[in-house]
């Protein structure tokens, strides 16, 4: 039987030698590339669902659906997030709402409608999750290799 042994002690020694700034910069760059993939997939799903990406809100003209999808990379390099909560309308388009109604003066129920959930964010997240993790792993591997070659 052939044995395969991998001694990672030299690599761990180099990784410990890295200054915090180099390591954090590499982690932030890798996280940013992975999260950008999720953000782009979300925007594509929104367009496929018929949501006008650049239509301005009458009450809040600076809010467009495109601007409502936010990508945030944490300063400490520990990760990041993509969210749709900065534009409250997107939350209702994603999850939908229940039937809305009220009782009229005559005692009858008057139904005013509901919003059907489009689930664009969930679909984008599910379709790109494995790709984003692969990009994160590849970018971190490249960063470690570059730092290894420098020292």
N, C-alpha and C. Protein backbone atom coordinates (compact mmCIF):
# COMPACT_ATOMS: atom_id res chain seq x y z
N UNK A 1 0.84 -1.17 0.00
CA UNK A 1 0.00 0.00 0.00
C UNK A 1 0.89 1.24 0.00
N UNK A 2 0.52 2.19 -0.80
CA UNK A 2 1.27 3.43 -0.90
C UNK A 2 0.69 4.44 0.07
N UNK A 3 1.53 5.08 0.80
CA UNK A 3 1.10 6.11 1.74
C UNK A 3 1.25 7.49 1.13
N UNK A 4 0.34 8.34 1.48
CA UNK A 4 0.44 9.73 1.07
C UNK A 4 0.34 10.57 2.32
N UNK A 5 1.40 11.28 2.60
CA UNK A 5 1.39 12.13 3.78
C UNK A 5 1.55 13.57 3.34
N UNK A 6 0.85 14.40 4.02
CA UNK A 6 0.92 15.82 3.73
C UNK A 6 1.33 16.54 5.00
N UNK A 7 2.47 17.18 4.94
CA UNK A 7 2.95 17.93 6.09
C UNK A 7 2.59 19.40 5.88
N UNK A 8 1.63 19.88 6.66
CA UNK A 8 1.19 21.26 6.49
C UNK A 8 1.86 22.21 7.48
N UNK A 9 2.81 21.71 8.25
CA UNK A 9 3.48 22.58 9.23
C UNK A 9 4.14 23.80 8.59
N UNK A 10 4.85 23.65 7.45
CA UNK A 10 5.44 24.85 6.84
C UNK A 10 4.38 25.87 6.40
N UNK A 11 3.29 25.37 5.86
CA UNK A 11 2.22 26.26 5.42
C UNK A 11 1.60 26.99 6.62
N UNK A 12 1.35 26.28 7.69
CA UNK A 12 0.78 26.90 8.89
C UNK A 12 1.75 27.92 9.48
N UNK A 13 3.04 27.62 9.41
CA UNK A 13 4.03 28.57 9.92
C UNK A 13 3.99 29.86 9.10
N UNK A 14 3.91 29.72 7.76
CA UNK A 14 3.83 30.90 6.90
C UNK A 14 2.53 31.67 7.15
N UNK A 15 1.43 30.94 7.32
CA UNK A 15 0.15 31.60 7.56
C UNK A 15 0.18 32.39 8.86
N UNK A 16 0.85 31.85 9.89
CA UNK A 16 0.97 32.57 11.16
C UNK A 16 1.88 33.78 11.03
N UNK A 17 2.84 33.71 10.09
CA UNK A 17 3.76 34.83 9.88
C UNK A 17 3.09 36.01 9.18
N UNK A 18 1.98 35.74 8.53
CA UNK A 18 1.30 36.82 7.82
C UNK A 18 0.88 37.91 8.78
N UNK A 19 1.06 39.11 8.34
CA UNK A 19 0.56 40.20 9.17
C UNK A 19 -0.95 40.20 9.06
N UNK A 20 -1.59 40.76 10.05
CA UNK A 20 -3.05 40.78 10.06
C UNK A 20 -3.63 41.49 8.86
N UNK A 21 -2.96 42.55 8.40
CA UNK A 21 -3.48 43.32 7.27
C UNK A 21 -3.49 42.51 5.98
N UNK A 22 -2.41 41.75 5.73
CA UNK A 22 -2.36 40.95 4.50
C UNK A 22 -3.45 39.88 4.51
N UNK A 23 -3.59 39.22 5.64
CA UNK A 23 -4.58 38.15 5.75
C UNK A 23 -5.99 38.70 5.61
N UNK A 24 -6.27 39.81 6.29
CA UNK A 24 -7.61 40.41 6.24
C UNK A 24 -7.92 40.90 4.83
N UNK A 25 -6.93 41.50 4.18
CA UNK A 25 -7.13 41.98 2.81
C UNK A 25 -7.46 40.82 1.87
N UNK A 26 -6.76 39.70 2.02
CA UNK A 26 -7.03 38.53 1.19
C UNK A 26 -8.41 37.96 1.46
N UNK A 27 -8.78 37.89 2.74
CA UNK A 27 -10.10 37.37 3.09
C UNK A 27 -11.21 38.27 2.58
N UNK A 28 -11.03 39.58 2.67
CA UNK A 28 -12.06 40.52 2.20
C UNK A 28 -12.22 40.45 0.69
N UNK A 29 -11.09 40.33 -0.03
CA UNK A 29 -11.16 40.23 -1.50
C UNK A 29 -11.88 38.96 -1.92
N UNK A 30 -11.57 37.86 -1.27
CA UNK A 30 -12.21 36.58 -1.61
C UNK A 30 -13.70 36.63 -1.29
N UNK A 31 -14.05 37.17 -0.14
CA UNK A 31 -15.47 37.28 0.24
C UNK A 31 -16.22 38.17 -0.73
N UNK A 32 -15.59 39.27 -1.14
CA UNK A 32 -16.23 40.19 -2.08
C UNK A 32 -16.55 39.55 -3.41
N UNK A 33 -15.62 38.74 -3.93
CA UNK A 33 -15.87 38.08 -5.22
C UNK A 33 -16.99 37.06 -5.10
N UNK A 34 -17.02 36.32 -4.01
CA UNK A 34 -18.07 35.32 -3.83
C UNK A 34 -19.44 36.00 -3.66
N UNK A 35 -19.49 37.08 -2.91
CA UNK A 35 -20.76 37.77 -2.68
C UNK A 35 -21.24 38.50 -3.93
N UNK A 36 -20.32 38.95 -4.76
CA UNK A 36 -20.70 39.62 -6.01
C UNK A 36 -21.48 38.67 -6.90
N UNK A 37 -21.09 37.39 -6.90
CA UNK A 37 -21.80 36.38 -7.69
C UNK A 37 -23.25 36.25 -7.22
N UNK A 38 -23.46 36.24 -5.91
CA UNK A 38 -24.82 36.12 -5.36
C UNK A 38 -25.63 37.37 -5.69
N UNK A 39 -25.02 38.54 -5.59
CA UNK A 39 -25.73 39.78 -5.89
C UNK A 39 -26.16 39.82 -7.36
N UNK A 40 -25.26 39.46 -8.26
CA UNK A 40 -25.60 39.46 -9.69
C UNK A 40 -26.71 38.46 -9.99
N UNK A 41 -26.66 37.29 -9.36
CA UNK A 41 -27.70 36.29 -9.57
C UNK A 41 -29.05 36.80 -9.06
N UNK A 42 -29.04 37.52 -7.96
CA UNK A 42 -30.28 38.09 -7.41
C UNK A 42 -30.88 39.09 -8.39
N UNK A 43 -30.04 39.96 -8.95
CA UNK A 43 -30.54 40.95 -9.91
C UNK A 43 -31.08 40.27 -11.17
N UNK A 44 -30.43 39.21 -11.61
CA UNK A 44 -30.94 38.47 -12.78
C UNK A 44 -32.28 37.81 -12.48
N UNK A 45 -32.42 37.25 -11.29
CA UNK A 45 -33.69 36.63 -10.90
C UNK A 45 -34.80 37.67 -10.80
N UNK A 46 -34.46 38.85 -10.28
CA UNK A 46 -35.45 39.93 -10.19
C UNK A 46 -35.93 40.33 -11.58
N UNK A 47 -35.00 40.47 -12.52
CA UNK A 47 -35.37 40.85 -13.89
C UNK A 47 -36.21 39.75 -14.52
N UNK A 48 -35.87 38.49 -14.26
CA UNK A 48 -36.64 37.37 -14.82
C UNK A 48 -38.06 37.33 -14.26
N UNK A 49 -38.25 37.80 -13.04
CA UNK A 49 -39.59 37.83 -12.43
C UNK A 49 -40.40 39.04 -12.88
N UNK A 50 -39.79 39.92 -13.65
CA UNK A 50 -40.51 41.08 -14.16
C UNK A 50 -40.45 42.30 -13.26
N UNK A 51 -39.55 42.31 -12.31
CA UNK A 51 -39.40 43.46 -11.43
C UNK A 51 -38.55 44.50 -12.15
N UNK A 52 -39.06 45.70 -12.37
CA UNK A 52 -38.27 46.74 -13.05
C UNK A 52 -37.14 47.22 -12.14
N UNK A 53 -35.91 46.92 -12.51
CA UNK A 53 -34.76 47.16 -11.64
C UNK A 53 -34.48 48.63 -11.39
N UNK A 54 -34.77 49.50 -12.35
CA UNK A 54 -34.40 50.90 -12.22
C UNK A 54 -35.60 51.84 -12.03
N UNK A 55 -36.77 51.30 -11.74
CA UNK A 55 -37.95 52.13 -11.52
C UNK A 55 -37.87 52.78 -10.14
N UNK A 56 -38.04 54.08 -10.10
CA UNK A 56 -37.93 54.82 -8.85
C UNK A 56 -39.24 54.75 -8.08
N UNK A 57 -39.13 54.80 -6.77
CA UNK A 57 -40.27 54.83 -5.88
C UNK A 57 -40.78 56.27 -5.82
N UNK A 58 -42.09 56.49 -5.89
CA UNK A 58 -42.63 57.85 -5.87
C UNK A 58 -42.34 58.58 -4.56
N UNK A 59 -42.52 57.89 -3.48
CA UNK A 59 -42.33 58.54 -2.19
C UNK A 59 -40.85 58.69 -1.84
N UNK A 60 -40.04 57.69 -2.18
CA UNK A 60 -38.61 57.72 -1.89
C UNK A 60 -37.85 57.54 -3.20
N UNK A 61 -37.63 58.62 -3.94
CA UNK A 61 -37.08 58.50 -5.29
C UNK A 61 -35.67 57.92 -5.37
N UNK A 62 -34.93 57.90 -4.27
CA UNK A 62 -33.60 57.32 -4.32
C UNK A 62 -33.62 55.80 -4.18
N UNK A 63 -34.79 55.21 -3.89
CA UNK A 63 -34.89 53.76 -3.76
C UNK A 63 -35.32 53.13 -5.08
N UNK A 64 -34.43 52.36 -5.66
CA UNK A 64 -34.77 51.54 -6.81
C UNK A 64 -34.52 50.10 -6.41
N UNK A 65 -35.20 49.15 -7.04
CA UNK A 65 -34.94 47.74 -6.70
C UNK A 65 -33.47 47.35 -6.87
N UNK A 66 -32.79 47.89 -7.88
CA UNK A 66 -31.37 47.56 -8.08
C UNK A 66 -30.54 48.02 -6.89
N UNK A 67 -30.83 49.22 -6.38
CA UNK A 67 -30.08 49.74 -5.24
C UNK A 67 -30.47 49.06 -3.93
N UNK A 68 -31.59 48.37 -3.93
CA UNK A 68 -32.04 47.69 -2.72
C UNK A 68 -31.30 46.40 -2.43
N UNK A 69 -30.58 45.88 -3.41
CA UNK A 69 -29.79 44.67 -3.20
C UNK A 69 -28.40 45.12 -2.78
N UNK A 70 -28.04 44.85 -1.54
CA UNK A 70 -26.79 45.34 -0.99
C UNK A 70 -25.83 44.19 -0.72
N UNK A 71 -24.58 44.45 -1.02
CA UNK A 71 -23.49 43.50 -0.74
C UNK A 71 -22.58 44.16 0.30
N UNK A 72 -22.34 43.48 1.39
CA UNK A 72 -21.52 44.02 2.46
C UNK A 72 -20.43 43.01 2.81
N UNK A 73 -19.18 43.47 2.82
CA UNK A 73 -18.05 42.64 3.25
C UNK A 73 -17.60 43.18 4.60
N UNK A 74 -17.50 42.31 5.59
CA UNK A 74 -17.14 42.73 6.93
C UNK A 74 -15.70 43.23 6.98
N UNK A 75 -15.45 44.26 7.77
CA UNK A 75 -14.13 44.87 7.86
C UNK A 75 -13.07 43.93 8.40
N UNK A 76 -13.46 43.03 9.29
CA UNK A 76 -12.47 42.13 9.88
C UNK A 76 -12.15 40.94 8.98
N UNK A 77 -12.80 40.85 7.82
CA UNK A 77 -12.51 39.78 6.86
C UNK A 77 -13.17 38.47 7.18
N UNK A 78 -14.05 38.43 8.17
CA UNK A 78 -14.66 37.16 8.57
C UNK A 78 -15.82 36.73 7.68
N UNK A 79 -16.22 37.54 6.72
CA UNK A 79 -17.31 37.17 5.83
C UNK A 79 -18.02 38.38 5.29
N UNK A 80 -19.28 38.21 5.00
CA UNK A 80 -20.07 39.30 4.45
C UNK A 80 -21.50 38.85 4.23
N UNK A 81 -22.28 39.69 3.57
CA UNK A 81 -23.67 39.33 3.32
C UNK A 81 -24.20 40.07 2.10
N UNK A 82 -25.23 39.48 1.52
CA UNK A 82 -26.02 40.13 0.48
C UNK A 82 -27.43 40.16 1.03
N UNK A 83 -28.06 41.34 1.01
CA UNK A 83 -29.41 41.41 1.55
C UNK A 83 -30.28 42.32 0.70
N UNK A 84 -31.58 42.18 0.91
CA UNK A 84 -32.57 42.99 0.19
C UNK A 84 -33.36 43.86 1.14
N UNK A 85 -32.94 43.94 2.39
CA UNK A 85 -33.73 44.63 3.39
C UNK A 85 -33.62 46.15 3.34
N UNK A 86 -32.65 46.68 2.61
CA UNK A 86 -32.51 48.13 2.57
C UNK A 86 -33.64 48.79 1.78
N UNK A 87 -34.33 48.04 0.93
CA UNK A 87 -35.49 48.55 0.22
C UNK A 87 -36.68 47.72 0.69
N UNK A 88 -37.53 48.30 1.52
CA UNK A 88 -38.59 47.54 2.16
C UNK A 88 -39.56 46.89 1.18
N UNK A 89 -39.72 47.46 0.00
CA UNK A 89 -40.65 46.90 -0.99
C UNK A 89 -40.18 45.52 -1.44
N UNK A 90 -38.87 45.33 -1.55
CA UNK A 90 -38.34 44.04 -2.00
C UNK A 90 -38.69 42.92 -1.03
N UNK A 91 -38.79 43.24 0.24
CA UNK A 91 -39.15 42.23 1.23
C UNK A 91 -40.54 41.68 0.94
N UNK A 92 -41.47 42.57 0.57
CA UNK A 92 -42.83 42.13 0.27
C UNK A 92 -42.89 41.39 -1.06
N UNK A 93 -42.09 41.81 -2.03
CA UNK A 93 -42.07 41.11 -3.31
C UNK A 93 -41.46 39.72 -3.17
N UNK A 94 -40.50 39.58 -2.30
CA UNK A 94 -39.86 38.28 -2.08
C UNK A 94 -40.80 37.30 -1.38
N UNK A 95 -41.35 37.70 -0.26
CA UNK A 95 -42.15 36.78 0.56
C UNK A 95 -43.64 36.83 0.28
N UNK A 96 -44.10 37.90 -0.33
CA UNK A 96 -45.53 38.05 -0.56
C UNK A 96 -46.23 38.50 0.71
N UNK A 97 -47.54 38.67 0.62
CA UNK A 97 -48.33 39.07 1.78
C UNK A 97 -49.58 38.21 1.84
N UNK A 98 -50.25 38.25 2.97
CA UNK A 98 -51.51 37.53 3.12
C UNK A 98 -52.63 38.34 2.49
N UNK A 99 -53.80 37.71 2.34
CA UNK A 99 -54.97 38.43 1.85
C UNK A 99 -55.29 39.59 2.78
N UNK A 100 -55.58 40.73 2.18
CA UNK A 100 -55.94 41.91 2.97
C UNK A 100 -57.43 42.17 2.75
N UNK A 101 -58.12 42.47 3.83
CA UNK A 101 -59.55 42.76 3.71
C UNK A 101 -60.00 43.60 4.90
N UNK A 102 -61.17 44.15 4.75
CA UNK A 102 -61.79 44.89 5.85
C UNK A 102 -63.29 44.73 5.73
N UNK A 103 -63.98 45.01 6.83
CA UNK A 103 -65.44 44.94 6.83
C UNK A 103 -66.01 46.28 6.41
N UNK A 104 -66.90 46.24 5.45
CA UNK A 104 -67.55 47.47 5.00
C UNK A 104 -68.65 47.86 6.00
N UNK A 105 -69.27 48.99 5.75
CA UNK A 105 -70.34 49.45 6.66
C UNK A 105 -71.51 48.48 6.66
N UNK A 106 -71.69 47.79 5.55
CA UNK A 106 -72.80 46.83 5.46
C UNK A 106 -72.47 45.51 6.14
N UNK A 107 -71.25 45.36 6.65
CA UNK A 107 -70.87 44.12 7.32
C UNK A 107 -70.26 43.08 6.39
N UNK A 108 -70.06 43.45 5.13
CA UNK A 108 -69.48 42.49 4.19
C UNK A 108 -67.96 42.64 4.18
N UNK A 109 -67.30 41.52 3.91
CA UNK A 109 -65.84 41.56 3.77
C UNK A 109 -65.48 42.15 2.41
N UNK A 110 -64.58 43.10 2.43
CA UNK A 110 -64.10 43.72 1.20
C UNK A 110 -62.62 43.35 1.05
N UNK A 111 -62.31 42.53 0.06
CA UNK A 111 -60.94 42.06 -0.15
C UNK A 111 -60.18 43.04 -1.02
N UNK A 112 -59.00 43.44 -0.55
CA UNK A 112 -58.21 44.42 -1.29
C UNK A 112 -57.02 43.79 -2.00
N UNK A 113 -56.82 42.50 -1.82
CA UNK A 113 -55.78 41.80 -2.57
C UNK A 113 -54.63 41.31 -1.71
N UNK A 114 -53.64 40.79 -2.41
CA UNK A 114 -52.43 40.33 -1.76
C UNK A 114 -51.30 40.35 -2.78
N UNK A 115 -50.08 40.27 -2.28
CA UNK A 115 -48.92 40.22 -3.15
C UNK A 115 -48.43 38.77 -3.18
N UNK A 116 -48.33 38.22 -4.36
CA UNK A 116 -47.79 36.86 -4.51
C UNK A 116 -46.28 36.91 -4.34
N UNK A 117 -45.74 35.97 -3.58
CA UNK A 117 -44.30 35.91 -3.38
C UNK A 117 -43.58 35.48 -4.65
N UNK A 118 -42.49 36.16 -4.97
CA UNK A 118 -41.73 35.84 -6.18
C UNK A 118 -40.49 35.00 -5.87
N UNK A 119 -39.99 35.05 -4.65
CA UNK A 119 -38.88 34.23 -4.18
C UNK A 119 -37.62 34.36 -5.04
N UNK A 120 -37.37 35.54 -5.57
CA UNK A 120 -36.20 35.75 -6.42
C UNK A 120 -34.91 35.65 -5.62
N UNK A 121 -34.90 36.15 -4.38
CA UNK A 121 -33.69 36.12 -3.57
C UNK A 121 -33.37 34.70 -3.13
N UNK A 122 -34.36 33.97 -2.70
CA UNK A 122 -34.14 32.58 -2.28
C UNK A 122 -33.65 31.73 -3.44
N UNK A 123 -34.24 31.91 -4.61
CA UNK A 123 -33.81 31.13 -5.78
C UNK A 123 -32.37 31.46 -6.17
N UNK A 124 -32.02 32.74 -6.14
CA UNK A 124 -30.66 33.15 -6.48
C UNK A 124 -29.67 32.60 -5.46
N UNK A 125 -30.02 32.68 -4.20
CA UNK A 125 -29.14 32.17 -3.15
C UNK A 125 -28.92 30.67 -3.28
N UNK A 126 -29.99 29.92 -3.53
CA UNK A 126 -29.87 28.48 -3.65
C UNK A 126 -29.08 28.06 -4.89
N UNK A 127 -29.24 28.80 -5.99
CA UNK A 127 -28.56 28.41 -7.22
C UNK A 127 -27.07 28.76 -7.22
N UNK A 128 -26.66 29.73 -6.42
CA UNK A 128 -25.27 30.16 -6.45
C UNK A 128 -24.48 29.80 -5.20
N UNK A 129 -25.10 29.13 -4.26
CA UNK A 129 -24.42 28.85 -2.99
C UNK A 129 -23.14 28.04 -3.19
N UNK A 130 -23.21 26.96 -3.94
CA UNK A 130 -22.02 26.13 -4.12
C UNK A 130 -20.96 26.84 -4.96
N UNK A 131 -21.39 27.61 -5.97
CA UNK A 131 -20.44 28.37 -6.79
C UNK A 131 -19.72 29.42 -5.95
N UNK A 132 -20.45 30.08 -5.08
CA UNK A 132 -19.85 31.11 -4.23
C UNK A 132 -18.82 30.50 -3.28
N UNK A 133 -19.13 29.35 -2.73
CA UNK A 133 -18.17 28.69 -1.83
C UNK A 133 -16.92 28.27 -2.61
N UNK A 134 -17.13 27.77 -3.84
CA UNK A 134 -15.97 27.40 -4.67
C UNK A 134 -15.10 28.62 -4.98
N UNK A 135 -15.73 29.73 -5.32
CA UNK A 135 -14.97 30.96 -5.61
C UNK A 135 -14.21 31.41 -4.37
N UNK A 136 -14.85 31.34 -3.22
CA UNK A 136 -14.20 31.71 -1.97
C UNK A 136 -12.97 30.85 -1.72
N UNK A 137 -13.11 29.54 -1.90
CA UNK A 137 -12.00 28.63 -1.69
C UNK A 137 -10.86 28.89 -2.68
N UNK A 138 -11.22 29.09 -3.95
CA UNK A 138 -10.20 29.35 -4.97
C UNK A 138 -9.45 30.64 -4.70
N UNK A 139 -10.18 31.69 -4.35
CA UNK A 139 -9.55 32.99 -4.11
C UNK A 139 -8.66 32.96 -2.88
N UNK A 140 -9.11 32.28 -1.83
CA UNK A 140 -8.27 32.16 -0.64
C UNK A 140 -7.02 31.33 -0.95
N UNK A 141 -7.19 30.28 -1.75
CA UNK A 141 -6.03 29.48 -2.16
C UNK A 141 -5.03 30.30 -2.96
N UNK A 142 -5.54 31.13 -3.88
CA UNK A 142 -4.65 31.99 -4.66
C UNK A 142 -3.93 32.99 -3.77
N UNK A 143 -4.66 33.55 -2.83
CA UNK A 143 -4.06 34.54 -1.93
C UNK A 143 -2.97 33.90 -1.08
N UNK A 144 -3.23 32.72 -0.57
CA UNK A 144 -2.21 32.02 0.23
C UNK A 144 -0.99 31.71 -0.63
N UNK A 145 -1.24 31.26 -1.87
CA UNK A 145 -0.13 30.95 -2.78
C UNK A 145 0.68 32.22 -3.09
N UNK A 146 0.02 33.33 -3.33
CA UNK A 146 0.74 34.58 -3.61
C UNK A 146 1.56 35.02 -2.41
N UNK A 147 0.99 34.92 -1.22
CA UNK A 147 1.71 35.32 -0.04
C UNK A 147 2.88 34.36 0.23
N UNK A 148 2.66 33.08 -0.04
CA UNK A 148 3.71 32.08 0.11
C UNK A 148 4.89 32.40 -0.81
N UNK A 149 4.59 32.78 -2.05
CA UNK A 149 5.64 33.08 -3.03
C UNK A 149 6.39 34.36 -2.70
N UNK A 150 5.73 35.31 -2.03
CA UNK A 150 6.37 36.58 -1.67
C UNK A 150 7.45 36.39 -0.61
N UNK A 151 7.19 35.51 0.34
CA UNK A 151 8.07 35.40 1.51
C UNK A 151 9.12 34.36 1.36
